[in-house]
């Protein structure tokens, strides 16, 4: 964000041989930007990280593990793009899987 602030209004395409450096931008003289970054870091530090909820039963996990270990089996799934999009939309619409946001995630 500091780089974006510093180079705002300048258009520059990455060079084809661009390699990301380990260099960090010095603190900018923007109180608003620095305040936002500090507040953002504090809010991120407060997030409790939980382990992912299993979406397979123990029997399904065991079966999947056995299939993975079987070198004689190759599992390939080929699906039409439209069908995949329809399936994904159905999954998103299931309220037990996802909840619509009531407001923006980031408060400015």
C-alpha atoms as a PDB file:
ATOM      1  CA  UNK A   1       0.000   0.000   0.000  1.00  0.00           C
ATOM      2  CA  UNK A   2       2.898   2.320   0.717  1.00  0.00           C
ATOM      3  CA  UNK A   3       4.221   1.678  -2.777  1.00  0.00           C
ATOM      4  CA  UNK A   4       0.798   2.428  -4.266  1.00  0.00           C
ATOM      5  CA  UNK A   5       0.639   5.640  -2.238  1.00  0.00           C
ATOM      6  CA  UNK A   6       4.149   6.667  -3.265  1.00  0.00           C
ATOM      7  CA  UNK A   7       3.681   5.914  -6.957  1.00  0.00           C
ATOM      8  CA  UNK A   8       0.049   7.091  -7.299  1.00  0.00           C
ATOM      9  CA  UNK A   9      -0.609   8.529 -10.734  1.00  0.00           C
ATOM     10  CA  UNK A  10       2.488   7.014 -12.327  1.00  0.00           C
ATOM     11  CA  UNK A  11       1.848   4.250 -14.825  1.00  0.00           C
ATOM     12  CA  UNK A  12       4.614   1.680 -14.998  1.00  0.00           C
ATOM     13  CA  UNK A  13       4.441  -1.798 -16.469  1.00  0.00           C
ATOM     14  CA  UNK A  14       6.599  -4.497 -14.927  1.00  0.00           C
ATOM     15  CA  UNK A  15       9.734  -5.324 -16.852  1.00  0.00           C
ATOM     16  CA  UNK A  16       9.628  -8.839 -18.390  1.00  0.00           C
ATOM     17  CA  UNK A  17      12.573  -9.848 -16.170  1.00  0.00           C
ATOM     18  CA  UNK A  18      11.068  -8.322 -13.016  1.00  0.00           C
ATOM     19  CA  UNK A  19      12.022 -10.135  -9.797  1.00  0.00           C
ATOM     20  CA  UNK A  20      10.395  -9.187  -6.499  1.00  0.00           C
ATOM     21  CA  UNK A  21      12.956  -7.691  -4.144  1.00  0.00           C
ATOM     22  CA  UNK A  22      13.123  -8.066  -0.365  1.00  0.00           C
ATOM     23  CA  UNK A  23      13.255  -4.281   0.016  1.00  0.00           C
ATOM     24  CA  UNK A  24      10.593  -2.647   2.172  1.00  0.00           C
ATOM     25  CA  UNK A  25       9.307   0.851   1.586  1.00  0.00           C
ATOM     26  CA  UNK A  26      10.163   3.436   4.202  1.00  0.00           C
ATOM     27  CA  UNK A  27       7.290   4.888   6.185  1.00  0.00           C
ATOM     28  CA  UNK A  28       5.464   7.525   4.161  1.00  0.00           C
ATOM     29  CA  UNK A  29       4.481  10.932   5.513  1.00  0.00           C
ATOM     30  CA  UNK A  30       0.786  10.048   5.266  1.00  0.00           C
ATOM     31  CA  UNK A  31      -0.761   9.863   8.715  1.00  0.00           C
ATOM     32  CA  UNK A  32      -4.016   8.471   7.311  1.00  0.00           C
ATOM     33  CA  UNK A  33      -2.251   5.645   5.456  1.00  0.00           C
ATOM     34  CA  UNK A  34      -0.024   4.701   8.387  1.00  0.00           C
ATOM     35  CA  UNK A  35      -2.982   4.818  10.787  1.00  0.00           C
ATOM     36  CA  UNK A  36      -4.952   2.534   8.482  1.00  0.00           C
ATOM     37  CA  UNK A  37      -2.045   0.067   8.197  1.00  0.00           C
ATOM     38  CA  UNK A  38      -1.509  -0.053  11.972  1.00  0.00           C
ATOM     39  CA  UNK A  39      -5.239  -0.520  12.611  1.00  0.00           C
ATOM     40  CA  UNK A  40      -5.379  -3.219   9.953  1.00  0.00           C
ATOM     41  CA  UNK A  41      -2.465  -5.095  11.561  1.00  0.00           C
ATOM     42  CA  UNK A  42      -4.149  -4.907  14.967  1.00  0.00           C
ATOM     43  CA  UNK A  43      -7.450  -6.240  13.616  1.00  0.00           C
ATOM     44  CA  UNK A  44      -5.697  -9.072  11.775  1.00  0.00           C
ATOM     45  CA  UNK A  45      -3.808 -10.020  14.936  1.00  0.00           C
ATOM     46  CA  UNK A  46      -7.119 -10.387  16.809  1.00  0.00           C
ATOM     47  CA  UNK A  47      -8.550 -12.922  14.346  1.00  0.00           C
ATOM     48  CA  UNK A  48      -8.741 -16.350  15.890  1.00  0.00           C
ATOM     49  CA  UNK A  49      -7.591 -18.965  13.419  1.00  0.00           C
ATOM     50  CA  UNK A  50      -9.585 -22.154  13.635  1.00  0.00           C
ATOM     51  CA  UNK A  51      -9.040 -25.453  11.942  1.00  0.00           C
ATOM     52  CA  UNK A  52     -11.075 -26.143   8.854  1.00  0.00           C
ATOM     53  CA  UNK A  53     -14.340 -28.006   9.319  1.00  0.00           C
ATOM     54  CA  UNK A  54     -14.364 -31.430   7.682  1.00  0.00           C
ATOM     55  CA  UNK A  55     -16.787 -31.669   4.785  1.00  0.00           C
ATOM     56  CA  UNK A  56     -16.372 -35.432   4.404  1.00  0.00           C
ATOM     57  CA  UNK A  57     -17.519 -38.151   6.753  1.00  0.00           C
ATOM     58  CA  UNK A  58     -14.882 -40.373   8.357  1.00  0.00           C
ATOM     59  CA  UNK A  59     -15.919 -43.187   5.996  1.00  0.00           C
ATOM     60  CA  UNK A  60     -15.506 -40.903   2.972  1.00  0.00           C
ATOM     61  CA  UNK A  61     -12.087 -39.709   4.202  1.00  0.00           C
ATOM     62  CA  UNK A  62     -10.955 -43.309   4.724  1.00  0.00           C
ATOM     63  CA  UNK A  63     -12.154 -44.296   1.241  1.00  0.00           C
ATOM     64  CA  UNK A  64     -10.462 -41.292  -0.346  1.00  0.00           C
ATOM     65  CA  UNK A  65      -7.198 -42.119   1.446  1.00  0.00           C
ATOM     66  CA  UNK A  66      -7.370 -45.700   0.186  1.00  0.00           C
ATOM     67  CA  UNK A  67      -8.013 -44.505  -3.380  1.00  0.00           C
ATOM     68  CA  UNK A  68      -5.053 -42.113  -3.206  1.00  0.00           C
ATOM     69  CA  UNK A  69      -2.769 -44.911  -2.041  1.00  0.00           C
ATOM     70  CA  UNK A  70      -3.851 -47.251  -4.838  1.00  0.00           C
ATOM     71  CA  UNK A  71      -1.306 -46.755  -7.653  1.00  0.00           C
ATOM     72  CA  UNK A  72      -3.530 -48.687 -10.077  1.00  0.00           C
ATOM     73  CA  UNK A  73      -6.230 -46.015 -10.020  1.00  0.00           C
ATOM     74  CA  UNK A  74      -6.117 -42.623 -11.698  1.00  0.00           C
ATOM     75  CA  UNK A  75      -9.001 -40.311 -10.869  1.00  0.00           C
ATOM     76  CA  UNK A  76      -9.795 -37.744 -13.549  1.00  0.00           C
ATOM     77  CA  UNK A  77     -12.810 -35.487 -13.620  1.00  0.00           C
ATOM     78  CA  UNK A  78     -13.835 -33.769 -16.816  1.00  0.00           C
ATOM     79  CA  UNK A  79     -16.710 -31.350 -16.539  1.00  0.00           C
ATOM     80  CA  UNK A  80     -18.335 -28.886 -18.883  1.00  0.00           C
ATOM     81  CA  UNK A  81     -17.604 -25.276 -17.815  1.00  0.00           C
ATOM     82  CA  UNK A  82     -21.296 -24.341 -17.756  1.00  0.00           C
ATOM     83  CA  UNK A  83     -22.135 -27.392 -15.622  1.00  0.00           C
ATOM     84  CA  UNK A  84     -19.292 -26.544 -13.240  1.00  0.00           C
ATOM     85  CA  UNK A  85     -20.561 -22.964 -12.902  1.00  0.00           C
ATOM     86  CA  UNK A  86     -24.126 -24.202 -12.242  1.00  0.00           C
ATOM     87  CA  UNK A  87     -22.871 -26.679  -9.627  1.00  0.00           C
ATOM     88  CA  UNK A  88     -20.810 -23.948  -7.967  1.00  0.00           C
ATOM     89  CA  UNK A  89     -23.782 -21.578  -7.854  1.00  0.00           C
ATOM     90  CA  UNK A  90     -25.931 -24.282  -6.269  1.00  0.00           C
ATOM     91  CA  UNK A  91     -23.248 -24.806  -3.599  1.00  0.00           C
ATOM     92  CA  UNK A  92     -22.999 -21.069  -2.904  1.00  0.00           C
ATOM     93  CA  UNK A  93     -26.789 -20.814  -2.534  1.00  0.00           C
ATOM     94  CA  UNK A  94     -26.871 -23.446   0.237  1.00  0.00           C
ATOM     95  CA  UNK A  95     -27.152 -21.308   3.380  1.00  0.00           C
ATOM     96  CA  UNK A  96     -25.431 -23.949   5.519  1.00  0.00           C
ATOM     97  CA  UNK A  97     -22.238 -23.521   3.456  1.00  0.00           C
ATOM     98  CA  UNK A  98     -22.119 -19.746   3.003  1.00  0.00           C
ATOM     99  CA  UNK A  99     -23.835 -16.723   4.505  1.00  0.00           C
ATOM    100  CA  UNK A 100     -24.307 -13.458   2.614  1.00  0.00           C
ATOM    101  CA  UNK A 101     -22.422 -10.508   4.076  1.00  0.00           C
ATOM    102  CA  UNK A 102     -24.527  -7.954   5.899  1.00  0.00           C
ATOM    103  CA  UNK A 103     -21.989  -5.222   5.205  1.00  0.00           C
ATOM    104  CA  UNK A 104     -18.435  -4.621   4.021  1.00  0.00           C
ATOM    105  CA  UNK A 105     -15.665  -6.692   5.630  1.00  0.00           C
ATOM    106  CA  UNK A 106     -13.303  -3.733   5.899  1.00  0.00           C
ATOM    107  CA  UNK A 107     -14.433  -0.690   7.811  1.00  0.00           C
ATOM    108  CA  UNK A 108     -12.812   2.552   6.698  1.00  0.00           C
END
